[in-house]
Amino acid sequence: MGVDWFGFGYAALVASGGIMGYVKAGSVPSLAAGLLFGSLAGLGAYQMSNDSKNVLLSLIASGTLAGVMGFRFYNSGKFMPAGIIAGASLLMVGRIGMKMLEKPQQP
């Protein structure tokens, strides 16, 4: 078991997106959602670092963001920030799906 660097990077991307939304547009909902989902993704990455099969929280956070931001990207056509977060979230969902399909390693 190693540290889930991709998960922590994804969490930082989500949180920094919320912070940038607040700085650029003064959007408090962006700040709150970015920090909430960034924290959930970070906690999920921590859980996956300790047990690679403990994927539920990461899957919920990234799946929810993929759906919500994908919908926003579809409606607005704006790649920044909705398209980036939707794409990164889809990649995380796929990565977590691959982790779920891995066979357990024998000691």
PDB file of N, CA and C in Angstrom:
ATOM      1  N   MET A   1       0.844  -1.187   0.000  1.00  0.00           N
ATOM      2  CA  MET A   1       0.000   0.000   0.000  1.00  0.00           C
ATOM      3  C   MET A   1       0.885   1.244   0.000  1.00  0.00           C
ATOM      4  N   GLY A   2       0.583   2.131  -0.902  1.00  0.00           N
ATOM      5  CA  GLY A   2       1.302   3.385  -0.965  1.00  0.00           C
ATOM      6  C   GLY A   2       0.343   4.545  -0.815  1.00  0.00           C
ATOM      7  N   VAL A   3       0.929   5.708  -0.843  1.00  0.00           N
ATOM      8  CA  VAL A   3       0.126   6.915  -0.730  1.00  0.00           C
ATOM      9  C   VAL A   3      -0.605   7.137  -2.059  1.00  0.00           C
ATOM     10  N   ASP A   4      -1.856   7.496  -1.988  1.00  0.00           N
ATOM     11  CA  ASP A   4      -2.680   7.747  -3.172  1.00  0.00           C
ATOM     12  C   ASP A   4      -2.437   9.178  -3.660  1.00  0.00           C
ATOM     13  N   TRP A   5      -1.316   9.369  -4.351  1.00  0.00           N
ATOM     14  CA  TRP A   5      -0.936  10.701  -4.798  1.00  0.00           C
ATOM     15  C   TRP A   5      -1.936  11.273  -5.801  1.00  0.00           C
ATOM     16  N   PHE A   6      -2.472  10.425  -6.673  1.00  0.00           N
ATOM     17  CA  PHE A   6      -3.463  10.905  -7.633  1.00  0.00           C
ATOM     18  C   PHE A   6      -4.713  11.402  -6.916  1.00  0.00           C
ATOM     19  N   GLY A   7      -5.129  10.686  -5.893  1.00  0.00           N
ATOM     20  CA  GLY A   7      -6.300  11.093  -5.118  1.00  0.00           C
ATOM     21  C   GLY A   7      -6.088  12.411  -4.399  1.00  0.00           C
ATOM     22  N   PHE A   8      -4.901  12.578  -3.813  1.00  0.00           N
ATOM     23  CA  PHE A   8      -4.608  13.834  -3.132  1.00  0.00           C
ATOM     24  C   PHE A   8      -4.481  14.984  -4.124  1.00  0.00           C
ATOM     25  N   GLY A   9      -3.919  14.716  -5.290  1.00  0.00           N
ATOM     26  CA  GLY A   9      -3.829  15.741  -6.333  1.00  0.00           C
ATOM     27  C   GLY A   9      -5.207  16.166  -6.826  1.00  0.00           C
ATOM     28  N   TYR A  10      -6.085  15.183  -6.994  1.00  0.00           N
ATOM     29  CA  TYR A  10      -7.460  15.475  -7.402  1.00  0.00           C
ATOM     30  C   TYR A  10      -8.155  16.324  -6.332  1.00  0.00           C
ATOM     31  N   ALA A  11      -7.963  15.975  -5.067  1.00  0.00           N
ATOM     32  CA  ALA A  11      -8.569  16.754  -3.975  1.00  0.00           C
ATOM     33  C   ALA A  11      -8.065  18.190  -3.986  1.00  0.00           C
ATOM     34  N   ALA A  12      -6.768  18.371  -4.228  1.00  0.00           N
ATOM     35  CA  ALA A  12      -6.203  19.721  -4.294  1.00  0.00           C
ATOM     36  C   ALA A  12      -6.761  20.496  -5.484  1.00  0.00           C
ATOM     37  N   LEU A  13      -6.947  19.820  -6.619  1.00  0.00           N
ATOM     38  CA  LEU A  13      -7.522  20.463  -7.802  1.00  0.00           C
ATOM     39  C   LEU A  13      -8.940  20.954  -7.522  1.00  0.00           C
ATOM     40  N   VAL A  14      -9.730  20.113  -6.886  1.00  0.00           N
ATOM     41  CA  VAL A  14     -11.124  20.482  -6.591  1.00  0.00           C
ATOM     42  C   VAL A  14     -11.176  21.647  -5.603  1.00  0.00           C
ATOM     43  N   ALA A  15     -10.386  21.568  -4.536  1.00  0.00           N
ATOM     44  CA  ALA A  15     -10.386  22.636  -3.534  1.00  0.00           C
ATOM     45  C   ALA A  15      -9.868  23.946  -4.132  1.00  0.00           C
ATOM     46  N   SER A  16      -8.807  23.872  -4.932  1.00  0.00           N
ATOM     47  CA  SER A  16      -8.267  25.093  -5.521  1.00  0.00           C
ATOM     48  C   SER A  16      -9.245  25.683  -6.535  1.00  0.00           C
ATOM     49  N   GLY A  17     -10.026  24.850  -7.209  1.00  0.00           N
ATOM     50  CA  GLY A  17     -11.057  25.354  -8.113  1.00  0.00           C
ATOM     51  C   GLY A  17     -12.115  26.147  -7.374  1.00  0.00           C
ATOM     52  N   GLY A  18     -12.505  25.676  -6.211  1.00  0.00           N
ATOM     53  CA  GLY A  18     -13.468  26.417  -5.400  1.00  0.00           C
ATOM     54  C   GLY A  18     -12.905  27.736  -4.910  1.00  0.00           C
ATOM     55  N   ILE A  19     -11.641  27.719  -4.528  1.00  0.00           N
ATOM     56  CA  ILE A  19     -10.993  28.951  -4.065  1.00  0.00           C
ATOM     57  C   ILE A  19     -10.872  29.947  -5.207  1.00  0.00           C
ATOM     58  N   MET A  20     -10.509  29.463  -6.396  1.00  0.00           N
ATOM     59  CA  MET A  20     -10.398  30.360  -7.550  1.00  0.00           C
ATOM     60  C   MET A  20     -11.757  30.936  -7.946  1.00  0.00           C
ATOM     61  N   GLY A  21     -12.803  30.148  -7.821  1.00  0.00           N
ATOM     62  CA  GLY A  21     -14.148  30.655  -8.099  1.00  0.00           C
ATOM     63  C   GLY A  21     -14.523  31.781  -7.160  1.00  0.00           C
ATOM     64  N   TYR A  22     -14.087  31.677  -5.923  1.00  0.00           N
ATOM     65  CA  TYR A  22     -14.362  32.731  -4.954  1.00  0.00           C
ATOM     66  C   TYR A  22     -13.523  33.974  -5.245  1.00  0.00           C
ATOM     67  N   VAL A  23     -12.235  33.762  -5.547  1.00  0.00           N
ATOM     68  CA  VAL A  23     -11.339  34.897  -5.789  1.00  0.00           C
ATOM     69  C   VAL A  23     -11.744  35.653  -7.045  1.00  0.00           C
ATOM     70  N   LYS A  24     -12.051  34.946  -8.126  1.00  0.00           N
ATOM     71  CA  LYS A  24     -12.358  35.602  -9.405  1.00  0.00           C
ATOM     72  C   LYS A  24     -13.764  36.202  -9.446  1.00  0.00           C
ATOM     73  N   ALA A  25     -14.741  35.476  -8.917  1.00  0.00           N
ATOM     74  CA  ALA A  25     -16.129  35.927  -9.070  1.00  0.00           C
ATOM     75  C   ALA A  25     -16.811  36.250  -7.751  1.00  0.00           C
ATOM     76  N   GLY A  26     -16.134  36.036  -6.636  1.00  0.00           N
ATOM     77  CA  GLY A  26     -16.758  36.280  -5.340  1.00  0.00           C
ATOM     78  C   GLY A  26     -17.850  35.268  -5.013  1.00  0.00           C
ATOM     79  N   SER A  27     -17.768  34.082  -5.602  1.00  0.00           N
ATOM     80  CA  SER A  27     -18.807  33.067  -5.450  1.00  0.00           C
ATOM     81  C   SER A  27     -18.597  32.248  -4.176  1.00  0.00           C
ATOM     82  N   VAL A  28     -19.407  32.536  -3.186  1.00  0.00           N
ATOM     83  CA  VAL A  28     -19.335  31.784  -1.934  1.00  0.00           C
ATOM     84  C   VAL A  28     -19.785  30.328  -2.134  1.00  0.00           C
ATOM     85  N   PRO A  29     -20.825  30.050  -2.948  1.00  0.00           N
ATOM     86  CA  PRO A  29     -21.177  28.647  -3.192  1.00  0.00           C
ATOM     87  C   PRO A  29     -20.039  27.846  -3.833  1.00  0.00           C
ATOM     88  N   SER A  30     -19.276  28.463  -4.736  1.00  0.00           N
ATOM     89  CA  SER A  30     -18.128  27.776  -5.333  1.00  0.00           C
ATOM     90  C   SER A  30     -17.092  27.458  -4.269  1.00  0.00           C
ATOM     91  N   LEU A  31     -16.831  28.403  -3.402  1.00  0.00           N
ATOM     92  CA  LEU A  31     -15.871  28.184  -2.324  1.00  0.00           C
ATOM     93  C   LEU A  31     -16.330  27.054  -1.416  1.00  0.00           C
ATOM     94  N   ALA A  32     -17.590  27.097  -0.997  1.00  0.00           N
ATOM     95  CA  ALA A  32     -18.115  26.069  -0.090  1.00  0.00           C
ATOM     96  C   ALA A  32     -18.094  24.693  -0.745  1.00  0.00           C
ATOM     97  N   ALA A  33     -18.563  24.600  -1.993  1.00  0.00           N
ATOM     98  CA  ALA A  33     -18.598  23.305  -2.679  1.00  0.00           C
ATOM     99  C   ALA A  33     -17.193  22.795  -2.951  1.00  0.00           C
ATOM    100  N   GLY A  34     -16.293  23.679  -3.364  1.00  0.00           N
ATOM    101  CA  GLY A  34     -14.911  23.270  -3.631  1.00  0.00           C
ATOM    102  C   GLY A  34     -14.222  22.743  -2.385  1.00  0.00           C
ATOM    103  N   LEU A  35     -14.391  23.454  -1.286  1.00  0.00           N
ATOM    104  CA  LEU A  35     -13.760  23.004  -0.036  1.00  0.00           C
ATOM    105  C   LEU A  35     -14.412  21.732   0.501  1.00  0.00           C
ATOM    106  N   LEU A  36     -15.739  21.623   0.382  1.00  0.00           N
ATOM    107  CA  LEU A  36     -16.432  20.427   0.855  1.00  0.00           C
ATOM    108  C   LEU A  36     -15.998  19.201   0.053  1.00  0.00           C
ATOM    109  N   PHE A  37     -16.104  19.290  -1.286  1.00  0.00           N
ATOM    110  CA  PHE A  37     -15.768  18.135  -2.110  1.00  0.00           C
ATOM    111  C   PHE A  37     -14.266  17.878  -2.133  1.00  0.00           C
ATOM    112  N   GLY A  38     -13.452  18.929  -2.035  1.00  0.00           N
ATOM    113  CA  GLY A  38     -12.008  18.735  -1.924  1.00  0.00           C
ATOM    114  C   GLY A  38     -11.641  18.001  -0.643  1.00  0.00           C
ATOM    115  N   SER A  39     -12.313  18.358   0.448  1.00  0.00           N
ATOM    116  CA  SER A  39     -12.071  17.676   1.729  1.00  0.00           C
ATOM    117  C   SER A  39     -12.526  16.224   1.674  1.00  0.00           C
ATOM    118  N   LEU A  40     -13.700  15.986   1.069  1.00  0.00           N
ATOM    119  CA  LEU A  40     -14.182  14.605   0.941  1.00  0.00           C
ATOM    120  C   LEU A  40     -13.245  13.776   0.074  1.00  0.00           C
ATOM    121  N   ALA A  41     -12.770  14.358  -1.024  1.00  0.00           N
ATOM    122  CA  ALA A  41     -11.839  13.641  -1.897  1.00  0.00           C
ATOM    123  C   ALA A  41     -10.508  13.391  -1.177  1.00  0.00           C
ATOM    124  N   GLY A  42     -10.054  14.357  -0.384  1.00  0.00           N
ATOM    125  CA  GLY A  42      -8.822  14.174   0.379  1.00  0.00           C
ATOM    126  C   GLY A  42      -8.963  13.085   1.434  1.00  0.00           C
ATOM    127  N   LEU A  43     -10.101  13.067   2.118  1.00  0.00           N
ATOM    128  CA  LEU A  43     -10.349  12.015   3.099  1.00  0.00           C
ATOM    129  C   LEU A  43     -10.436  10.656   2.411  1.00  0.00           C
ATOM    130  N   GLY A  44     -11.079  10.620   1.244  1.00  0.00           N
ATOM    131  CA  GLY A  44     -11.154   9.379   0.485  1.00  0.00           C
ATOM    132  C   GLY A  44      -9.779   8.909   0.045  1.00  0.00           C
ATOM    133  N   ALA A  45      -8.912   9.837  -0.367  1.00  0.00           N
ATOM    134  CA  ALA A  45      -7.547   9.475  -0.755  1.00  0.00           C
ATOM    135  C   ALA A  45      -6.770   8.941   0.450  1.00  0.00           C
ATOM    136  N   TYR A  46      -7.004   9.542   1.609  1.00  0.00           N
ATOM    137  CA  TYR A  46      -6.352   9.053   2.834  1.00  0.00           C
ATOM    138  C   TYR A  46      -6.813   7.625   3.150  1.00  0.00           C
ATOM    139  N   GLN A  47      -8.120   7.387   3.021  1.00  0.00           N
ATOM    140  CA  GLN A  47      -8.644   6.047   3.281  1.00  0.00           C
ATOM    141  C   GLN A  47      -8.081   5.036   2.288  1.00  0.00           C
ATOM    142  N   MET A  48      -7.966   5.422   1.025  1.00  0.00           N
ATOM    143  CA  MET A  48      -7.424   4.518   0.016  1.00  0.00           C
ATOM    144  C   MET A  48      -5.930   4.295   0.217  1.00  0.00           C
ATOM    145  N   SER A  49      -5.236   5.265   0.817  1.00  0.00           N
ATOM    146  CA  SER A  49      -3.816   5.081   1.117  1.00  0.00           C
ATOM    147  C   SER A  49      -3.627   4.021   2.192  1.00  0.00           C
ATOM    148  N   ASN A  50      -4.571   3.946   3.125  1.00  0.00           N
ATOM    149  CA  ASN A  50      -4.488   2.962   4.200  1.00  0.00           C
ATOM    150  C   ASN A  50      -5.020   1.605   3.791  1.00  0.00           C
ATOM    151  N   ASP A  51      -6.043   1.572   2.958  1.00  0.00           N
ATOM    152  CA  ASP A  51      -6.642   0.320   2.482  1.00  0.00           C
ATOM    153  C   ASP A  51      -7.110   0.548   1.054  1.00  0.00           C
ATOM    154  N   SER A  52      -6.439  -0.056   0.093  1.00  0.00           N
ATOM    155  CA  SER A  52      -6.723   0.223  -1.315  1.00  0.00           C
ATOM    156  C   SER A  52      -8.123  -0.198  -1.736  1.00  0.00           C
ATOM    157  N   LYS A  53      -8.813  -0.987  -0.948  1.00  0.00           N
ATOM    158  CA  LYS A  53     -10.178  -1.397  -1.276  1.00  0.00           C
ATOM    159  C   LYS A  53     -11.237  -0.502  -0.629  1.00  0.00           C
ATOM    160  N   ASN A  54     -10.825   0.456   0.171  1.00  0.00           N
ATOM    161  CA  ASN A  54     -11.746   1.380   0.830  1.00  0.00           C
ATOM    162  C   ASN A  54     -11.987   2.575  -0.103  1.00  0.00           C
ATOM    163  N   VAL A  55     -12.841   2.368  -1.102  1.00  0.00           N
ATOM    164  CA  VAL A  55     -13.005   3.342  -2.180  1.00  0.00           C
ATOM    165  C   VAL A  55     -14.330   4.099  -2.136  1.00  0.00           C
ATOM    166  N   LEU A  56     -15.201   3.777  -1.221  1.00  0.00           N
ATOM    167  CA  LEU A  56     -16.563   4.307  -1.254  1.00  0.00           C
ATOM    168  C   LEU A  56     -16.622   5.837  -1.221  1.00  0.00           C
ATOM    169  N   LEU A  57     -15.931   6.458  -0.302  1.00  0.00           N
ATOM    170  CA  LEU A  57     -15.994   7.917  -0.178  1.00  0.00           C
ATOM    171  C   LEU A  57     -15.417   8.597  -1.419  1.00  0.00           C
ATOM    172  N   SER A  58     -14.306   8.098  -1.915  1.00  0.00           N
ATOM    173  CA  SER A  58     -13.720   8.664  -3.136  1.00  0.00           C
ATOM    174  C   SER A  58     -14.658   8.502  -4.315  1.00  0.00           C
ATOM    175  N   LEU A  59     -15.299   7.360  -4.401  1.00  0.00           N
ATOM    176  CA  LEU A  59     -16.218   7.103  -5.505  1.00  0.00           C
ATOM    177  C   LEU A  59     -17.437   8.020  -5.433  1.00  0.00           C
ATOM    178  N   ILE A  60     -17.963   8.240  -4.244  1.00  0.00           N
ATOM    179  CA  ILE A  60     -19.116   9.130  -4.084  1.00  0.00           C
ATOM    180  C   ILE A  60     -18.746  10.567  -4.448  1.00  0.00           C
ATOM    181  N   ALA A  61     -17.607  11.042  -3.936  1.00  0.00           N
ATOM    182  CA  ALA A  61     -17.197  12.427  -4.203  1.00  0.00           C
ATOM    183  C   ALA A  61     -16.923  12.649  -5.687  1.00  0.00           C
ATOM    184  N   SER A  62     -16.128  11.786  -6.294  1.00  0.00           N
ATOM    185  CA  SER A  62     -15.781  11.987  -7.702  1.00  0.00           C
ATOM    186  C   SER A  62     -16.970  11.713  -8.620  1.00  0.00           C
ATOM    187  N   GLY A  63     -17.801  10.749  -8.281  1.00  0.00           N
ATOM    188  CA  GLY A  63     -18.984  10.471  -9.090  1.00  0.00           C
ATOM    189  C   GLY A  63     -19.988  11.609  -9.060  1.00  0.00           C
ATOM    190  N   THR A  64     -20.194  12.179  -7.889  1.00  0.00           N
ATOM    191  CA  THR A  64     -21.108  13.317  -7.765  1.00  0.00           C
ATOM    192  C   THR A  64     -20.594  14.514  -8.561  1.00  0.00           C
ATOM    193  N   LEU A  65     -19.300  14.795  -8.417  1.00  0.00           N
ATOM    194  CA  LEU A  65     -18.734  15.923  -9.160  1.00  0.00           C
ATOM    195  C   LEU A  65     -18.756  15.675 -10.664  1.00  0.00           C
ATOM    196  N   ALA A  66     -18.511  14.450 -11.078  1.00  0.00           N
ATOM    197  CA  ALA A  66     -18.562  14.140 -12.511  1.00  0.00           C
ATOM    198  C   ALA A  66     -19.954  14.423 -13.058  1.00  0.00           C
ATOM    199  N   GLY A  67     -20.980  14.035 -12.326  1.00  0.00           N
ATOM    200  CA  GLY A  67     -22.343  14.271 -12.779  1.00  0.00           C
ATOM    201  C   GLY A  67     -22.724  15.735 -12.784  1.00  0.00           C
ATOM    202  N   VAL A  68     -22.471  16.409 -11.680  1.00  0.00           N
ATOM    203  CA  VAL A  68     -22.879  17.816 -11.555  1.00  0.00           C
ATOM    204  C   VAL A  68     -22.098  18.701 -12.521  1.00  0.00           C
ATOM    205  N   MET A  69     -20.781  18.549 -12.525  1.00  0.00           N
ATOM    206  CA  MET A  69     -19.968  19.407 -13.390  1.00  0.00           C
ATOM    207  C   MET A  69     -20.114  19.010 -14.855  1.00  0.00           C
ATOM    208  N   GLY A  70     -20.356  17.739 -15.127  1.00  0.00           N
ATOM    209  CA  GLY A  70     -20.623  17.318 -16.499  1.00  0.00           C
ATOM    210  C   GLY A  70     -21.900  17.948 -17.022  1.00  0.00           C
ATOM    211  N   PHE A  71     -22.913  18.015 -16.188  1.00  0.00           N
ATOM    212  CA  PHE A  71     -24.179  18.662 -16.549  1.00  0.00           C
ATOM    213  C   PHE A  71     -23.966  20.152 -16.800  1.00  0.00           C
ATOM    214  N   ARG A  72     -23.185  20.793 -15.930  1.00  0.00           N
ATOM    215  CA  ARG A  72     -22.899  22.224 -16.108  1.00  0.00           C
ATOM    216  C   ARG A  72     -22.109  22.471 -17.386  1.00  0.00           C
ATOM    217  N   PHE A  73     -21.146  21.588 -17.675  1.00  0.00           N
ATOM    218  CA  PHE A  73     -20.362  21.724 -18.901  1.00  0.00           C
ATOM    219  C   PHE A  73     -21.243  21.527 -20.131  1.00  0.00           C
ATOM    220  N   TYR A  74     -22.125  20.555 -20.072  1.00  0.00           N
ATOM    221  CA  TYR A  74     -23.038  20.286 -21.196  1.00  0.00           C
ATOM    222  C   TYR A  74     -23.928  21.490 -21.475  1.00  0.00           C
ATOM    223  N   ASN A  75     -24.435  22.115 -20.416  1.00  0.00           N
ATOM    224  CA  ASN A  75     -25.344  23.253 -20.589  1.00  0.00           C
ATOM    225  C   ASN A  75     -24.627  24.545 -20.975  1.00  0.00           C
ATOM    226  N   SER A  76     -23.435  24.768 -20.412  1.00  0.00           N
ATOM    227  CA  SER A  76     -22.752  26.039 -20.653  1.00  0.00           C
ATOM    228  C   SER A  76     -21.735  25.967 -21.786  1.00  0.00           C
ATOM    229  N   GLY A  77     -21.142  24.811 -21.996  1.00  0.00           N
ATOM    230  CA  GLY A  77     -20.093  24.669 -22.993  1.00  0.00           C
ATOM    231  C   GLY A  77     -18.771  25.280 -22.564  1.00  0.00           C
ATOM    232  N   LYS A  78     -18.702  25.734 -21.318  1.00  0.00           N
ATOM    233  CA  LYS A  78     -17.470  26.359 -20.815  1.00  0.00           C
ATOM    234  C   LYS A  78     -16.531  25.286 -20.271  1.00  0.00           C
ATOM    235  N   PHE A  79     -15.352  25.241 -20.861  1.00  0.00           N
ATOM    236  CA  PHE A  79     -14.371  24.248 -20.430  1.00  0.00           C
ATOM    237  C   PHE A  79     -13.799  24.583 -19.057  1.00  0.00           C
ATOM    238  N   MET A  80     -13.747  25.861 -18.744  1.00  0.00           N
ATOM    239  CA  MET A  80     -13.179  26.301 -17.478  1.00  0.00           C
ATOM    240  C   MET A  80     -14.291  26.818 -16.600  1.00  0.00           C
ATOM    241  N   PRO A  81     -14.539  26.325 -15.445  1.00  0.00           N
ATOM    242  CA  PRO A  81     -13.939  25.214 -14.726  1.00  0.00           C
ATOM    243  C   PRO A  81     -14.706  23.896 -14.875  1.00  0.00           C
ATOM    244  N   ALA A  82     -15.944  23.973 -15.383  1.00  0.00           N
ATOM    245  CA  ALA A  82     -16.805  22.790 -15.361  1.00  0.00           C
ATOM    246  C   ALA A  82     -16.220  21.628 -16.158  1.00  0.00           C
ATOM    247  N   GLY A  83     -15.680  21.886 -17.329  1.00  0.00           N
ATOM    248  CA  GLY A  83     -15.137  20.815 -18.157  1.00  0.00           C
ATOM    249  C   GLY A  83     -13.918  20.157 -17.542  1.00  0.00           C
ATOM    250  N   ILE A  84     -13.059  20.948 -16.937  1.00  0.00           N
ATOM    251  CA  ILE A  84     -11.847  20.390 -16.317  1.00  0.00           C
ATOM    252  C   ILE A  84     -12.211  19.509 -15.137  1.00  0.00           C
ATOM    253  N   ILE A  85     -13.078  19.995 -14.267  1.00  0.00           N
ATOM    254  CA  ILE A  85     -13.459  19.213 -13.087  1.00  0.00           C
ATOM    255  C   ILE A  85     -14.245  17.975 -13.503  1.00  0.00           C
ATOM    256  N   ALA A  86     -15.123  18.102 -14.497  1.00  0.00           N
ATOM    257  CA  ALA A  86     -15.874  16.939 -14.976  1.00  0.00           C
ATOM    258  C   ALA A  86     -14.918  15.893 -15.547  1.00  0.00           C
ATOM    259  N   GLY A  87     -13.953  16.323 -16.338  1.00  0.00           N
ATOM    260  CA  GLY A  87     -12.983  15.391 -16.919  1.00  0.00           C
ATOM    261  C   GLY A  87     -12.121  14.717 -15.867  1.00  0.00           C
ATOM    262  N   ALA A  88     -11.612  15.504 -14.924  1.00  0.00           N
ATOM    263  CA  ALA A  88     -10.792  14.937 -13.856  1.00  0.00           C
ATOM    264  C   ALA A  88     -11.614  13.972 -12.999  1.00  0.00           C
ATOM    265  N   SER A  89     -12.869  14.316 -12.770  1.00  0.00           N
ATOM    266  CA  SER A  89     -13.739  13.450 -11.965  1.00  0.00           C
ATOM    267  C   SER A  89     -14.027  12.144 -12.689  1.00  0.00           C
ATOM    268  N   LEU A  90     -14.251  12.217 -14.001  1.00  0.00           N
ATOM    269  CA  LEU A  90     -14.459  10.988 -14.780  1.00  0.00           C
ATOM    270  C   LEU A  90     -13.222  10.100 -14.748  1.00  0.00           C
ATOM    271  N   LEU A  91     -12.052  10.714 -14.840  1.00  0.00           N
ATOM    272  CA  LEU A  91     -10.816   9.933 -14.741  1.00  0.00           C
ATOM    273  C   LEU A  91     -10.693   9.262 -13.376  1.00  0.00           C
ATOM    274  N   MET A  92     -11.069   9.986 -12.327  1.00  0.00           N
ATOM    275  CA  MET A  92     -11.004   9.397 -10.981  1.00  0.00           C
ATOM    276  C   MET A  92     -12.003   8.253 -10.832  1.00  0.00           C
ATOM    277  N   VAL A  93     -13.204   8.418 -11.371  1.00  0.00           N
ATOM    278  CA  VAL A  93     -14.195   7.338 -11.309  1.00  0.00           C
ATOM    279  C   VAL A  93     -13.653   6.105 -12.030  1.00  0.00           C
ATOM    280  N   GLY A  94     -13.056   6.311 -13.199  1.00  0.00           N
ATOM    281  CA  GLY A  94     -12.464   5.195 -13.930  1.00  0.00           C
ATOM    282  C   GLY A  94     -11.324   4.541 -13.176  1.00  0.00           C
ATOM    283  N   ARG A  95     -10.482   5.351 -12.563  1.00  0.00           N
ATOM    284  CA  ARG A  95      -9.358   4.818 -11.784  1.00  0.00           C
ATOM    285  C   ARG A  95      -9.862   4.009 -10.582  1.00  0.00           C
ATOM    286  N   ILE A  96     -10.875   4.522  -9.926  1.00  0.00           N
ATOM    287  CA  ILE A  96     -11.434   3.808  -8.776  1.00  0.00           C
ATOM    288  C   ILE A  96     -12.082   2.509  -9.240  1.00  0.00           C
ATOM    289  N   GLY A  97     -12.772   2.559 -10.377  1.00  0.00           N
ATOM    290  CA  GLY A  97     -13.353   1.338 -10.934  1.00  0.00           C
ATOM    291  C   GLY A  97     -12.296   0.285 -11.208  1.00  0.00           C
ATOM    292  N   MET A  98     -11.154   0.702 -11.736  1.00  0.00           N
ATOM    293  CA  MET A  98     -10.060  -0.243 -11.984  1.00  0.00           C
ATOM    294  C   MET A  98      -9.530  -0.822 -10.665  1.00  0.00           C
ATOM    295  N   LYS A  99      -9.445   0.018  -9.638  1.00  0.00           N
ATOM    296  CA  LYS A  99      -9.002  -0.470  -8.319  1.00  0.00           C
ATOM    297  C   LYS A  99      -9.962  -1.518  -7.772  1.00  0.00           C
ATOM    298  N   MET A 100     -11.258  -1.306  -8.023  1.00  0.00           N
ATOM    299  CA  MET A 100     -12.256  -2.247  -7.523  1.00  0.00           C
ATOM    300  C   MET A 100     -12.150  -3.596  -8.233  1.00  0.00           C
ATOM    301  N   LEU A 101     -11.694  -3.586  -9.476  1.00  0.00           N
ATOM    302  CA  LEU A 101     -11.577  -4.818 -10.236  1.00  0.00           C
ATOM    303  C   LEU A 101     -10.277  -5.571 -10.007  1.00  0.00           C
ATOM    304  N   GLU A 102      -9.309  -4.931  -9.354  1.00  0.00           N
ATOM    305  CA  GLU A 102      -8.012  -5.582  -9.094  1.00  0.00           C
ATOM    306  C   GLU A 102      -8.201  -6.759  -8.160  1.00  0.00           C
ATOM    307  N   LYS A 103      -7.422  -7.798  -8.422  1.00  0.00           N
ATOM    308  CA  LYS A 103      -7.432  -8.955  -7.530  1.00  0.00           C
ATOM    309  C   LYS A 103      -6.551  -8.634  -6.324  1.00  0.00           C
ATOM    310  N   PRO A 104      -6.927  -9.123  -5.152  1.00  0.00           N
ATOM    311  CA  PRO A 104      -6.104  -8.871  -3.976  1.00  0.00           C
ATOM    312  C   PRO A 104      -4.752  -9.550  -4.114  1.00  0.00           C
ATOM    313  N   GLN A 105      -3.723  -8.864  -3.615  1.00  0.00           N
ATOM    314  CA  GLN A 105      -2.371  -9.415  -3.665  1.00  0.00           C
ATOM    315  C   GLN A 105      -2.191 -10.439  -2.554  1.00  0.00           C
ATOM    316  N   GLN A 106      -1.497 -11.496  -2.887  1.00  0.00           N
ATOM    317  CA  GLN A 106      -1.197 -12.534  -1.894  1.00  0.00           C
ATOM    318  C   GLN A 106       0.043 -12.128  -1.109  1.00  0.00           C
ATOM    319  N   PRO A 107       0.015 -12.284   0.211  1.00  0.00           N
ATOM    320  CA  PRO A 107       1.196 -11.891   1.018  1.00  0.00           C
ATOM    321  C   PRO A 107       2.361 -12.838   0.840  1.00  0.00           C
TER     322      PRO A 107
END
